[in-house]
């Protein structure tokens, strides 16, 4: 029995990410935690696809095809990075994991603490 190749491992991880995304899309609670999770998993999926292409045996193709593929990799990487930044902003609004799972932002907690008892 041979060990799986790096590309096979990435493809397995990508399949697992896509399965989690499918399952989580069925749960529409709209909490910051689930929103950030979806963004992070989508970003990871894009980066896994980029990684798979980078690990693949280079194939000769037309200059236009190679340029188009390279530009696509760059675009996927940019989108993943920007999306990850968006997830960071969502998480920064939360005090902790419990608040993120229940949708209580740092601002909401601060306002609640300022209200007179």
PDB file of N, CA and C in Angstrom:
ATOM      1  N   UNK A   1       0.852  -1.184   0.000  1.00  0.00           N
ATOM      2  CA  UNK A   1       0.000   0.000   0.000  1.00  0.00           C
ATOM      3  C   UNK A   1       0.894   1.243   0.000  1.00  0.00           C
ATOM      4  N   UNK A   2       0.575   2.182  -0.861  1.00  0.00           N
ATOM      5  CA  UNK A   2       1.369   3.400  -0.929  1.00  0.00           C
ATOM      6  C   UNK A   2       0.708   4.490  -0.105  1.00  0.00           C
ATOM      7  N   UNK A   3       1.538   5.396   0.356  1.00  0.00           N
ATOM      8  CA  UNK A   3       0.990   6.515   1.131  1.00  0.00           C
ATOM      9  C   UNK A   3       0.376   7.524   0.166  1.00  0.00           C
ATOM     10  N   UNK A   4      -0.621   8.273   0.648  1.00  0.00           N
ATOM     11  CA  UNK A   4      -1.257   9.248  -0.239  1.00  0.00           C
ATOM     12  C   UNK A   4      -0.296  10.367  -0.607  1.00  0.00           C
ATOM     13  N   UNK A   5      -0.467  10.871  -1.800  1.00  0.00           N
ATOM     14  CA  UNK A   5       0.364  11.986  -2.246  1.00  0.00           C
ATOM     15  C   UNK A   5      -0.100  13.266  -1.551  1.00  0.00           C
ATOM     16  N   UNK A   6       0.726  14.280  -1.630  1.00  0.00           N
ATOM     17  CA  UNK A   6       0.364  15.578  -1.051  1.00  0.00           C
ATOM     18  C   UNK A   6      -0.928  16.096  -1.677  1.00  0.00           C
ATOM     19  N   UNK A   7      -1.068  15.922  -2.983  1.00  0.00           N
ATOM     20  CA  UNK A   7      -2.284  16.385  -3.667  1.00  0.00           C
ATOM     21  C   UNK A   7      -3.502  15.612  -3.201  1.00  0.00           C
ATOM     22  N   UNK A   8      -3.369  14.309  -2.976  1.00  0.00           N
ATOM     23  CA  UNK A   8      -4.495  13.519  -2.479  1.00  0.00           C
ATOM     24  C   UNK A   8      -4.903  13.983  -1.085  1.00  0.00           C
ATOM     25  N   UNK A   9      -3.923  14.278  -0.251  1.00  0.00           N
ATOM     26  CA  UNK A   9      -4.224  14.775   1.091  1.00  0.00           C
ATOM     27  C   UNK A   9      -4.974  16.110   1.025  1.00  0.00           C
ATOM     28  N   UNK A  10      -4.511  17.019   0.162  1.00  0.00           N
ATOM     29  CA  UNK A  10      -5.189  18.303   0.000  1.00  0.00           C
ATOM     30  C   UNK A  10      -6.612  18.116  -0.515  1.00  0.00           C
ATOM     31  N   UNK A  11      -6.783  17.201  -1.475  1.00  0.00           N
ATOM     32  CA  UNK A  11      -8.112  16.965  -2.020  1.00  0.00           C
ATOM     33  C   UNK A  11      -9.049  16.380  -0.963  1.00  0.00           C
ATOM     34  N   UNK A  12      -8.514  15.535  -0.083  1.00  0.00           N
ATOM     35  CA  UNK A  12      -9.321  15.008   1.015  1.00  0.00           C
ATOM     36  C   UNK A  12      -9.718  16.104   1.993  1.00  0.00           C
ATOM     37  N   UNK A  13      -8.780  16.988   2.292  1.00  0.00           N
ATOM     38  CA  UNK A  13      -9.071  18.101   3.196  1.00  0.00           C
ATOM     39  C   UNK A  13     -10.101  19.040   2.561  1.00  0.00           C
ATOM     40  N   UNK A  14      -9.978  19.285   1.282  1.00  0.00           N
ATOM     41  CA  UNK A  14     -10.927  20.141   0.575  1.00  0.00           C
ATOM     42  C   UNK A  14     -12.324  19.528   0.616  1.00  0.00           C
ATOM     43  N   UNK A  15     -12.414  18.227   0.411  1.00  0.00           N
ATOM     44  CA  UNK A  15     -13.712  17.548   0.480  1.00  0.00           C
ATOM     45  C   UNK A  15     -14.320  17.676   1.881  1.00  0.00           C
ATOM     46  N   UNK A  16     -13.486  17.576   2.913  1.00  0.00           N
ATOM     47  CA  UNK A  16     -13.969  17.720   4.293  1.00  0.00           C
ATOM     48  C   UNK A  16     -14.479  19.139   4.537  1.00  0.00           C
ATOM     49  N   UNK A  17     -13.765  20.130   4.047  1.00  0.00           N
ATOM     50  CA  UNK A  17     -14.187  21.525   4.201  1.00  0.00           C
ATOM     51  C   UNK A  17     -15.526  21.747   3.506  1.00  0.00           C
ATOM     52  N   UNK A  18     -15.650  21.229   2.303  1.00  0.00           N
ATOM     53  CA  UNK A  18     -16.901  21.402   1.566  1.00  0.00           C
ATOM     54  C   UNK A  18     -18.065  20.724   2.279  1.00  0.00           C
ATOM     55  N   UNK A  19     -17.818  19.588   2.915  1.00  0.00           N
ATOM     56  CA  UNK A  19     -18.856  18.901   3.676  1.00  0.00           C
ATOM     57  C   UNK A  19     -19.295  19.737   4.884  1.00  0.00           C
ATOM     58  N   UNK A  20     -18.340  20.311   5.597  1.00  0.00           N
ATOM     59  CA  UNK A  20     -18.676  21.165   6.750  1.00  0.00           C
ATOM     60  C   UNK A  20     -19.465  22.383   6.275  1.00  0.00           C
ATOM     61  N   UNK A  21     -19.051  22.984   5.166  1.00  0.00           N
ATOM     62  CA  UNK A  21     -19.776  24.136   4.624  1.00  0.00           C
ATOM     63  C   UNK A  21     -21.220  23.765   4.285  1.00  0.00           C
ATOM     64  N   UNK A  22     -21.408  22.599   3.689  1.00  0.00           N
ATOM     65  CA  UNK A  22     -22.761  22.127   3.373  1.00  0.00           C
ATOM     66  C   UNK A  22     -23.594  21.986   4.634  1.00  0.00           C
ATOM     67  N   UNK A  23     -23.034  21.351   5.631  1.00  0.00           N
ATOM     68  CA  UNK A  23     -23.763  21.121   6.884  1.00  0.00           C
ATOM     69  C   UNK A  23     -24.090  22.432   7.579  1.00  0.00           C
ATOM     70  N   UNK A  24     -23.131  23.345   7.616  1.00  0.00           N
ATOM     71  CA  UNK A  24     -23.335  24.606   8.322  1.00  0.00           C
ATOM     72  C   UNK A  24     -24.290  25.522   7.570  1.00  0.00           C
ATOM     73  N   UNK A  25     -24.412  25.365   6.251  1.00  0.00           N
ATOM     74  CA  UNK A  25     -25.353  26.210   5.513  1.00  0.00           C
ATOM     75  C   UNK A  25     -26.787  25.834   5.855  1.00  0.00           C
ATOM     76  N   UNK A  26     -26.986  24.635   6.379  1.00  0.00           N
ATOM     77  CA  UNK A  26     -28.322  24.213   6.786  1.00  0.00           C
ATOM     78  C   UNK A  26     -28.728  24.852   8.105  1.00  0.00           C
ATOM     79  N   UNK A  27     -27.739  25.305   8.885  1.00  0.00           N
ATOM     80  CA  UNK A  27     -28.002  25.939  10.171  1.00  0.00           C
ATOM     81  C   UNK A  27     -27.943  27.449   9.972  1.00  0.00           C
ATOM     82  N   UNK A  28     -29.089  28.062   9.890  1.00  0.00           N
ATOM     83  CA  UNK A  28     -29.141  29.498   9.595  1.00  0.00           C
ATOM     84  C   UNK A  28     -29.375  30.300  10.867  1.00  0.00           C
ATOM     85  N   UNK A  29     -28.450  30.213  11.802  1.00  0.00           N
ATOM     86  CA  UNK A  29     -28.619  30.979  13.032  1.00  0.00           C
ATOM     87  C   UNK A  29     -28.115  32.397  12.870  1.00  0.00           C
ATOM     88  N   UNK A  30     -27.207  32.606  11.926  1.00  0.00           N
ATOM     89  CA  UNK A  30     -26.713  33.945  11.664  1.00  0.00           C
ATOM     90  C   UNK A  30     -25.834  34.523  12.750  1.00  0.00           C
ATOM     91  N   UNK A  31     -25.215  33.690  13.553  1.00  0.00           N
ATOM     92  CA  UNK A  31     -24.342  34.208  14.599  1.00  0.00           C
ATOM     93  C   UNK A  31     -23.006  34.636  13.999  1.00  0.00           C
ATOM     94  N   UNK A  32     -22.308  35.542  14.674  1.00  0.00           N
ATOM     95  CA  UNK A  32     -20.988  35.942  14.189  1.00  0.00           C
ATOM     96  C   UNK A  32     -20.036  34.746  14.059  1.00  0.00           C
ATOM     97  N   UNK A  33     -20.140  33.795  14.980  1.00  0.00           N
ATOM     98  CA  UNK A  33     -19.254  32.627  14.920  1.00  0.00           C
ATOM     99  C   UNK A  33     -19.479  31.841  13.633  1.00  0.00           C
ATOM    100  N   UNK A  34     -20.739  31.594  13.276  1.00  0.00           N
ATOM    101  CA  UNK A  34     -21.019  30.853  12.045  1.00  0.00           C
ATOM    102  C   UNK A  34     -20.661  31.660  10.801  1.00  0.00           C
ATOM    103  N   UNK A  35     -20.867  32.956  10.862  1.00  0.00           N
ATOM    104  CA  UNK A  35     -20.490  33.804   9.734  1.00  0.00           C
ATOM    105  C   UNK A  35     -18.978  33.757   9.518  1.00  0.00           C
ATOM    106  N   UNK A  36     -18.215  33.907  10.592  1.00  0.00           N
ATOM    107  CA  UNK A  36     -16.750  33.838  10.491  1.00  0.00           C
ATOM    108  C   UNK A  36     -16.304  32.448  10.057  1.00  0.00           C
ATOM    109  N   UNK A  37     -16.966  31.418  10.574  1.00  0.00           N
ATOM    110  CA  UNK A  37     -16.633  30.045  10.178  1.00  0.00           C
ATOM    111  C   UNK A  37     -16.799  29.859   8.678  1.00  0.00           C
ATOM    112  N   UNK A  38     -17.920  30.304   8.150  1.00  0.00           N
ATOM    113  CA  UNK A  38     -18.151  30.177   6.712  1.00  0.00           C
ATOM    114  C   UNK A  38     -17.107  30.901   5.886  1.00  0.00           C
ATOM    115  N   UNK A  39     -16.776  32.098   6.313  1.00  0.00           N
ATOM    116  CA  UNK A  39     -15.762  32.892   5.602  1.00  0.00           C
ATOM    117  C   UNK A  39     -14.407  32.185   5.654  1.00  0.00           C
ATOM    118  N   UNK A  40     -14.028  31.725   6.837  1.00  0.00           N
ATOM    119  CA  UNK A  40     -12.724  31.059   6.991  1.00  0.00           C
ATOM    120  C   UNK A  40     -12.654  29.772   6.174  1.00  0.00           C
ATOM    121  N   UNK A  41     -13.725  28.995   6.190  1.00  0.00           N
ATOM    122  CA  UNK A  41     -13.723  27.740   5.429  1.00  0.00           C
ATOM    123  C   UNK A  41     -13.710  28.005   3.929  1.00  0.00           C
ATOM    124  N   UNK A  42     -14.436  29.021   3.477  1.00  0.00           N
ATOM    125  CA  UNK A  42     -14.381  29.376   2.059  1.00  0.00           C
ATOM    126  C   UNK A  42     -12.984  29.820   1.661  1.00  0.00           C
ATOM    127  N   UNK A  43     -12.338  30.605   2.518  1.00  0.00           N
ATOM    128  CA  UNK A  43     -10.960  31.037   2.251  1.00  0.00           C
ATOM    129  C   UNK A  43     -10.018  29.847   2.213  1.00  0.00           C
ATOM    130  N   UNK A  44     -10.176  28.953   3.175  1.00  0.00           N
ATOM    131  CA  UNK A  44      -9.326  27.759   3.208  1.00  0.00           C
ATOM    132  C   UNK A  44      -9.526  26.917   1.952  1.00  0.00           C
ATOM    133  N   UNK A  45     -10.764  26.826   1.505  1.00  0.00           N
ATOM    134  CA  UNK A  45     -11.062  26.069   0.290  1.00  0.00           C
ATOM    135  C   UNK A  45     -10.347  26.671  -0.920  1.00  0.00           C
ATOM    136  N   UNK A  46     -10.413  27.991  -1.043  1.00  0.00           N
ATOM    137  CA  UNK A  46      -9.711  28.652  -2.146  1.00  0.00           C
ATOM    138  C   UNK A  46      -8.209  28.405  -2.076  1.00  0.00           C
ATOM    139  N   UNK A  47      -7.653  28.516  -0.874  1.00  0.00           N
ATOM    140  CA  UNK A  47      -6.204  28.322  -0.729  1.00  0.00           C
ATOM    141  C   UNK A  47      -5.796  26.875  -0.969  1.00  0.00           C
ATOM    142  N   UNK A  48      -6.662  25.937  -0.639  1.00  0.00           N
ATOM    143  CA  UNK A  48      -6.362  24.529  -0.932  1.00  0.00           C
ATOM    144  C   UNK A  48      -6.343  24.290  -2.435  1.00  0.00           C
ATOM    145  N   UNK A  49      -7.282  24.926  -3.142  1.00  0.00           N
ATOM    146  CA  UNK A  49      -7.293  24.797  -4.601  1.00  0.00           C
ATOM    147  C   UNK A  49      -6.016  25.384  -5.200  1.00  0.00           C
ATOM    148  N   UNK A  50      -5.602  26.528  -4.687  1.00  0.00           N
ATOM    149  CA  UNK A  50      -4.352  27.147  -5.149  1.00  0.00           C
ATOM    150  C   UNK A  50      -3.179  26.213  -4.860  1.00  0.00           C
ATOM    151  N   UNK A  51      -3.141  25.671  -3.652  1.00  0.00           N
ATOM    152  CA  UNK A  51      -2.056  24.764  -3.263  1.00  0.00           C
ATOM    153  C   UNK A  51      -2.019  23.531  -4.150  1.00  0.00           C
ATOM    154  N   UNK A  52      -3.195  23.004  -4.476  1.00  0.00           N
ATOM    155  CA  UNK A  52      -3.263  21.822  -5.341  1.00  0.00           C
ATOM    156  C   UNK A  52      -2.651  22.116  -6.704  1.00  0.00           C
ATOM    157  N   UNK A  53      -2.972  23.273  -7.259  1.00  0.00           N
ATOM    158  CA  UNK A  53      -2.407  23.640  -8.561  1.00  0.00           C
ATOM    159  C   UNK A  53      -0.893  23.813  -8.451  1.00  0.00           C
ATOM    160  N   UNK A  54      -0.435  24.422  -7.359  1.00  0.00           N
ATOM    161  CA  UNK A  54       1.007  24.638  -7.196  1.00  0.00           C
ATOM    162  C   UNK A  54       1.766  23.326  -7.023  1.00  0.00           C
ATOM    163  N   UNK A  55       1.111  22.314  -6.471  1.00  0.00           N
ATOM    164  CA  UNK A  55       1.751  21.006  -6.306  1.00  0.00           C
ATOM    165  C   UNK A  55       1.697  20.153  -7.574  1.00  0.00           C
ATOM    166  N   UNK A  56       0.794  20.492  -8.444  1.00  0.00           N
ATOM    167  CA  UNK A  56       0.582  19.709  -9.661  1.00  0.00           C
ATOM    168  C   UNK A  56       1.806  19.777 -10.574  1.00  0.00           C
ATOM    169  N   UNK A  57       2.017  18.712 -11.280  1.00  0.00           N
ATOM    170  CA  UNK A  57       3.091  18.676 -12.284  1.00  0.00           C
ATOM    171  C   UNK A  57       2.790  19.745 -13.330  1.00  0.00           C
ATOM    172  N   UNK A  58       3.766  20.613 -13.576  1.00  0.00           N
ATOM    173  CA  UNK A  58       3.567  21.679 -14.561  1.00  0.00           C
ATOM    174  C   UNK A  58       3.353  21.063 -15.935  1.00  0.00           C
ATOM    175  N   UNK A  59       2.365  21.575 -16.633  1.00  0.00           N
ATOM    176  CA  UNK A  59       2.103  21.079 -17.977  1.00  0.00           C
ATOM    177  C   UNK A  59       2.328  22.191 -18.987  1.00  0.00           C
ATOM    178  N   UNK A  60       2.950  21.828 -20.088  1.00  0.00           N
ATOM    179  CA  UNK A  60       3.151  22.867 -21.103  1.00  0.00           C
ATOM    180  C   UNK A  60       1.797  23.234 -21.708  1.00  0.00           C
ATOM    181  N   UNK A  61       1.598  24.477 -21.895  1.00  0.00           N
ATOM    182  CA  UNK A  61       0.369  24.968 -22.516  1.00  0.00           C
ATOM    183  C   UNK A  61       0.680  26.238 -23.253  1.00  0.00           C
ATOM    184  N   UNK A  62      -0.348  26.774 -23.857  1.00  0.00           N
ATOM    185  CA  UNK A  62      -0.122  28.030 -24.571  1.00  0.00           C
ATOM    186  C   UNK A  62       0.186  29.116 -23.544  1.00  0.00           C
ATOM    187  N   UNK A  63       0.862  30.114 -24.006  1.00  0.00           N
ATOM    188  CA  UNK A  63       1.225  31.235 -23.143  1.00  0.00           C
ATOM    189  C   UNK A  63      -0.037  31.867 -22.554  1.00  0.00           C
ATOM    190  N   UNK A  64      -1.091  31.990 -23.350  1.00  0.00           N
ATOM    191  CA  UNK A  64      -2.345  32.579 -22.877  1.00  0.00           C
ATOM    192  C   UNK A  64      -2.977  31.722 -21.785  1.00  0.00           C
ATOM    193  N   UNK A  65      -2.964  30.404 -21.964  1.00  0.00           N
ATOM    194  CA  UNK A  65      -3.540  29.499 -20.953  1.00  0.00           C
ATOM    195  C   UNK A  65      -2.769  29.582 -19.642  1.00  0.00           C
ATOM    196  N   UNK A  66      -1.445  29.584 -19.745  1.00  0.00           N
ATOM    197  CA  UNK A  66      -0.619  29.663 -18.548  1.00  0.00           C
ATOM    198  C   UNK A  66      -0.835  30.988 -17.813  1.00  0.00           C
ATOM    199  N   UNK A  67      -0.926  32.066 -18.566  1.00  0.00           N
ATOM    200  CA  UNK A  67      -1.165  33.377 -17.966  1.00  0.00           C
ATOM    201  C   UNK A  67      -2.532  33.429 -17.299  1.00  0.00           C
ATOM    202  N   UNK A  68      -3.541  32.893 -17.972  1.00  0.00           N
ATOM    203  CA  UNK A  68      -4.904  32.877 -17.425  1.00  0.00           C
ATOM    204  C   UNK A  68      -4.953  32.067 -16.122  1.00  0.00           C
ATOM    205  N   UNK A  69      -4.303  30.907 -16.121  1.00  0.00           N
ATOM    206  CA  UNK A  69      -4.281  30.068 -14.924  1.00  0.00           C
ATOM    207  C   UNK A  69      -3.550  30.778 -13.777  1.00  0.00           C
ATOM    208  N   UNK A  70      -2.429  31.416 -14.093  1.00  0.00           N
ATOM    209  CA  UNK A  70      -1.650  32.117 -13.067  1.00  0.00           C
ATOM    210  C   UNK A  70      -2.447  33.280 -12.488  1.00  0.00           C
ATOM    211  N   UNK A  71      -3.121  34.030 -13.345  1.00  0.00           N
ATOM    212  CA  UNK A  71      -3.943  35.152 -12.879  1.00  0.00           C
ATOM    213  C   UNK A  71      -5.093  34.657 -12.004  1.00  0.00           C
ATOM    214  N   UNK A  72      -5.623  33.491 -12.337  1.00  0.00           N
ATOM    215  CA  UNK A  72      -6.684  32.894 -11.524  1.00  0.00           C
ATOM    216  C   UNK A  72      -6.165  32.532 -10.132  1.00  0.00           C
ATOM    217  N   UNK A  73      -4.953  31.980 -10.059  1.00  0.00           N
ATOM    218  CA  UNK A  73      -4.356  31.653  -8.761  1.00  0.00           C
ATOM    219  C   UNK A  73      -4.150  32.911  -7.921  1.00  0.00           C
ATOM    220  N   UNK A  74      -3.678  33.955  -8.564  1.00  0.00           N
ATOM    221  CA  UNK A  74      -3.470  35.219  -7.861  1.00  0.00           C
ATOM    222  C   UNK A  74      -4.804  35.756  -7.342  1.00  0.00           C
ATOM    223  N   UNK A  75      -5.836  35.711  -8.184  1.00  0.00           N
ATOM    224  CA  UNK A  75      -7.158  36.202  -7.781  1.00  0.00           C
ATOM    225  C   UNK A  75      -7.702  35.393  -6.602  1.00  0.00           C
ATOM    226  N   UNK A  76      -7.596  34.065  -6.669  1.00  0.00           N
ATOM    227  CA  UNK A  76      -8.078  33.213  -5.569  1.00  0.00           C
ATOM    228  C   UNK A  76      -7.351  33.556  -4.268  1.00  0.00           C
ATOM    229  N   UNK A  77      -6.048  33.774  -4.352  1.00  0.00           N
ATOM    230  CA  UNK A  77      -5.262  34.083  -3.158  1.00  0.00           C
ATOM    231  C   UNK A  77      -5.670  35.436  -2.579  1.00  0.00           C
ATOM    232  N   UNK A  78      -5.890  36.426  -3.452  1.00  0.00           N
ATOM    233  CA  UNK A  78      -6.332  37.743  -2.990  1.00  0.00           C
ATOM    234  C   UNK A  78      -7.697  37.657  -2.322  1.00  0.00           C
ATOM    235  N   UNK A  79      -8.628  36.952  -2.951  1.00  0.00           N
ATOM    236  CA  UNK A  79      -9.979  36.824  -2.397  1.00  0.00           C
ATOM    237  C   UNK A  79      -9.925  36.142  -1.035  1.00  0.00           C
ATOM    238  N   UNK A  80      -9.123  35.090  -0.928  1.00  0.00           N
ATOM    239  CA  UNK A  80      -8.999  34.380   0.352  1.00  0.00           C
ATOM    240  C   UNK A  80      -8.439  35.300   1.434  1.00  0.00           C
ATOM    241  N   UNK A  81      -7.432  36.077   1.092  1.00  0.00           N
ATOM    242  CA  UNK A  81      -6.836  36.999   2.058  1.00  0.00           C
ATOM    243  C   UNK A  81      -7.809  38.081   2.505  1.00  0.00           C
ATOM    244  N   UNK A  82      -8.534  38.639   1.561  1.00  0.00           N
ATOM    245  CA  UNK A  82      -9.507  39.681   1.899  1.00  0.00           C
ATOM    246  C   UNK A  82     -10.644  39.106   2.745  1.00  0.00           C
ATOM    247  N   UNK A  83     -11.068  37.902   2.396  1.00  0.00           N
ATOM    248  CA  UNK A  83     -12.136  37.258   3.164  1.00  0.00           C
ATOM    249  C   UNK A  83     -11.681  36.966   4.584  1.00  0.00           C
ATOM    250  N   UNK A  84     -10.459  36.516   4.723  1.00  0.00           N
ATOM    251  CA  UNK A  84      -9.920  36.242   6.052  1.00  0.00           C
ATOM    252  C   UNK A  84      -9.886  37.527   6.884  1.00  0.00           C
ATOM    253  N   UNK A  85      -9.551  38.626   6.255  1.00  0.00           N
ATOM    254  CA  UNK A  85      -9.564  39.917   6.948  1.00  0.00           C
ATOM    255  C   UNK A  85     -10.986  40.247   7.411  1.00  0.00           C
ATOM    256  N   UNK A  86     -11.969  39.973   6.573  1.00  0.00           N
ATOM    257  CA  UNK A  86     -13.367  40.212   6.951  1.00  0.00           C
ATOM    258  C   UNK A  86     -13.748  39.357   8.159  1.00  0.00           C
ATOM    259  N   UNK A  87     -13.321  38.105   8.183  1.00  0.00           N
ATOM    260  CA  UNK A  87     -13.597  37.235   9.336  1.00  0.00           C
ATOM    261  C   UNK A  87     -12.931  37.797  10.591  1.00  0.00           C
ATOM    262  N   UNK A  88     -11.741  38.345  10.436  1.00  0.00           N
ATOM    263  CA  UNK A  88     -11.041  38.956  11.562  1.00  0.00           C
ATOM    264  C   UNK A  88     -11.852  40.111  12.137  1.00  0.00           C
ATOM    265  N   UNK A  89     -12.409  40.932  11.264  1.00  0.00           N
ATOM    266  CA  UNK A  89     -13.223  42.057  11.731  1.00  0.00           C
ATOM    267  C   UNK A  89     -14.470  41.579  12.467  1.00  0.00           C
ATOM    268  N   UNK A  90     -15.083  40.529  11.974  1.00  0.00           N
ATOM    269  CA  UNK A  90     -16.267  39.969  12.633  1.00  0.00           C
ATOM    270  C   UNK A  90     -15.892  39.452  14.019  1.00  0.00           C
ATOM    271  N   UNK A  91     -14.796  38.724  14.103  1.00  0.00           N
ATOM    272  CA  UNK A  91     -14.375  38.160  15.386  1.00  0.00           C
ATOM    273  C   UNK A  91     -13.936  39.247  16.363  1.00  0.00           C
ATOM    274  N   UNK A  92     -13.342  40.311  15.856  1.00  0.00           N
ATOM    275  CA  UNK A  92     -12.880  41.401  16.725  1.00  0.00           C
ATOM    276  C   UNK A  92     -14.043  42.110  17.411  1.00  0.00           C
ATOM    277  N   UNK A  93     -15.216  41.996  16.848  1.00  0.00           N
ATOM    278  CA  UNK A  93     -16.407  42.603  17.448  1.00  0.00           C
ATOM    279  C   UNK A  93     -16.927  41.798  18.645  1.00  0.00           C
ATOM    280  N   UNK A  94     -16.387  40.599  18.843  1.00  0.00           N
ATOM    281  CA  UNK A  94     -16.899  39.709  19.881  1.00  0.00           C
ATOM    282  C   UNK A  94     -15.960  39.705  21.084  1.00  0.00           C
ATOM    283  N   UNK A  95     -16.530  39.536  22.263  1.00  0.00           N
ATOM    284  CA  UNK A  95     -15.724  39.501  23.484  1.00  0.00           C
ATOM    285  C   UNK A  95     -15.035  38.155  23.656  1.00  0.00           C
ATOM    286  N   UNK A  96     -15.699  37.072  23.222  1.00  0.00           N
ATOM    287  CA  UNK A  96     -15.160  35.720  23.370  1.00  0.00           C
ATOM    288  C   UNK A  96     -15.995  34.765  22.527  1.00  0.00           C
ATOM    289  N   UNK A  97     -15.673  33.479  22.576  1.00  0.00           N
ATOM    290  CA  UNK A  97     -16.358  32.494  21.740  1.00  0.00           C
ATOM    291  C   UNK A  97     -17.842  32.378  22.096  1.00  0.00           C
ATOM    292  N   UNK A  98     -18.173  32.466  23.363  1.00  0.00           N
ATOM    293  CA  UNK A  98     -19.583  32.367  23.766  1.00  0.00           C
ATOM    294  C   UNK A  98     -20.374  33.531  23.180  1.00  0.00           C
ATOM    295  N   UNK A  99     -19.817  34.728  23.270  1.00  0.00           N
ATOM    296  CA  UNK A  99     -20.481  35.898  22.695  1.00  0.00           C
ATOM    297  C   UNK A  99     -20.631  35.740  21.183  1.00  0.00           C
ATOM    298  N   UNK A 100     -19.615  35.226  20.531  1.00  0.00           N
ATOM    299  CA  UNK A 100     -19.664  35.037  19.074  1.00  0.00           C
ATOM    300  C   UNK A 100     -20.729  34.014  18.690  1.00  0.00           C
ATOM    301  N   UNK A 101     -20.845  32.964  19.479  1.00  0.00           N
ATOM    302  CA  UNK A 101     -21.837  31.936  19.168  1.00  0.00           C
ATOM    303  C   UNK A 101     -23.263  32.409  19.448  1.00  0.00           C
ATOM    304  N   UNK A 102     -23.400  33.396  20.331  1.00  0.00           N
ATOM    305  CA  UNK A 102     -24.731  33.897  20.674  1.00  0.00           C
ATOM    306  C   UNK A 102     -25.026  35.251  20.051  1.00  0.00           C
ATOM    307  N   UNK A 103     -24.036  35.837  19.388  1.00  0.00           N
ATOM    308  CA  UNK A 103     -24.256  37.090  18.682  1.00  0.00           C
ATOM    309  C   UNK A 103     -24.251  38.329  19.548  1.00  0.00           C
ATOM    310  N   UNK A 104     -23.477  38.313  20.621  1.00  0.00           N
ATOM    311  CA  UNK A 104     -23.369  39.486  21.496  1.00  0.00           C
ATOM    312  C   UNK A 104     -22.043  40.174  21.183  1.00  0.00           C
ATOM    313  N   UNK A 105     -22.116  41.349  20.594  1.00  0.00           N
ATOM    314  CA  UNK A 105     -20.889  42.049  20.210  1.00  0.00           C
ATOM    315  C   UNK A 105     -20.274  42.783  21.396  1.00  0.00           C
ATOM    316  N   UNK A 106     -19.014  43.151  21.254  1.00  0.00           N
ATOM    317  CA  UNK A 106     -18.314  43.921  22.289  1.00  0.00           C
ATOM    318  C   UNK A 106     -19.053  45.234  22.525  1.00  0.00           C
ATOM    319  N   UNK A 107     -19.480  45.885  21.467  1.00  0.00           N
ATOM    320  CA  UNK A 107     -20.212  47.149  21.600  1.00  0.00           C
ATOM    321  C   UNK A 107     -21.512  46.948  22.368  1.00  0.00           C
ATOM    322  N   UNK A 108     -22.227  45.854  22.071  1.00  0.00           N
ATOM    323  CA  UNK A 108     -23.486  45.567  22.757  1.00  0.00           C
ATOM    324  C   UNK A 108     -23.240  45.349  24.243  1.00  0.00           C
ATOM    325  N   UNK A 109     -22.179  44.610  24.581  1.00  0.00           N
ATOM    326  CA  UNK A 109     -21.853  44.378  25.994  1.00  0.00           C
ATOM    327  C   UNK A 109     -21.477  45.682  26.684  1.00  0.00           C
ATOM    328  N   UNK A 110     -20.719  46.531  26.008  1.00  0.00           N
ATOM    329  CA  UNK A 110     -20.306  47.820  26.586  1.00  0.00           C
ATOM    330  C   UNK A 110     -21.528  48.701  26.856  1.00  0.00           C
ATOM    331  N   UNK A 111     -22.469  48.720  25.914  1.00  0.00           N
ATOM    332  CA  UNK A 111     -23.678  49.515  26.120  1.00  0.00           C
ATOM    333  C   UNK A 111     -24.504  48.968  27.265  1.00  0.00           C
ATOM    334  N   UNK A 112     -24.583  47.643  27.368  1.00  0.00           N
ATOM    335  CA  UNK A 112     -25.357  47.010  28.457  1.00  0.00           C
ATOM    336  C   UNK A 112     -24.752  47.352  29.816  1.00  0.00           C
ATOM    337  N   UNK A 113     -23.427  47.438  29.882  1.00  0.00           N
ATOM    338  CA  UNK A 113     -22.766  47.762  31.149  1.00  0.00           C
ATOM    339  C   UNK A 113     -22.961  49.230  31.517  1.00  0.00           C
ATOM    340  N   UNK A 114     -23.200  50.086  30.537  1.00  0.00           N
ATOM    341  CA  UNK A 114     -23.383  51.528  30.792  1.00  0.00           C
ATOM    342  C   UNK A 114     -24.800  51.852  31.237  1.00  0.00           C
ATOM    343  N   UNK A 115     -25.755  50.967  30.915  1.00  0.00           N
ATOM    344  CA  UNK A 115     -27.153  51.233  31.270  1.00  0.00           C
ATOM    345  C   UNK A 115     -27.321  51.239  32.773  1.00  0.00           C
ATOM    346  N   UNK A 116     -28.115  52.183  33.275  1.00  0.00           N
ATOM    347  CA  UNK A 116     -28.351  52.220  34.724  1.00  0.00           C
ATOM    348  C   UNK A 116     -29.144  51.004  35.180  1.00  0.00           C
ATOM    349  N   UNK A 117     -28.835  50.537  36.353  1.00  0.00           N
ATOM    350  CA  UNK A 117     -29.504  49.347  36.880  1.00  0.00           C
ATOM    351  C   UNK A 117     -30.860  49.650  37.440  1.00  0.00           C
TER     352      UNK A 117
END
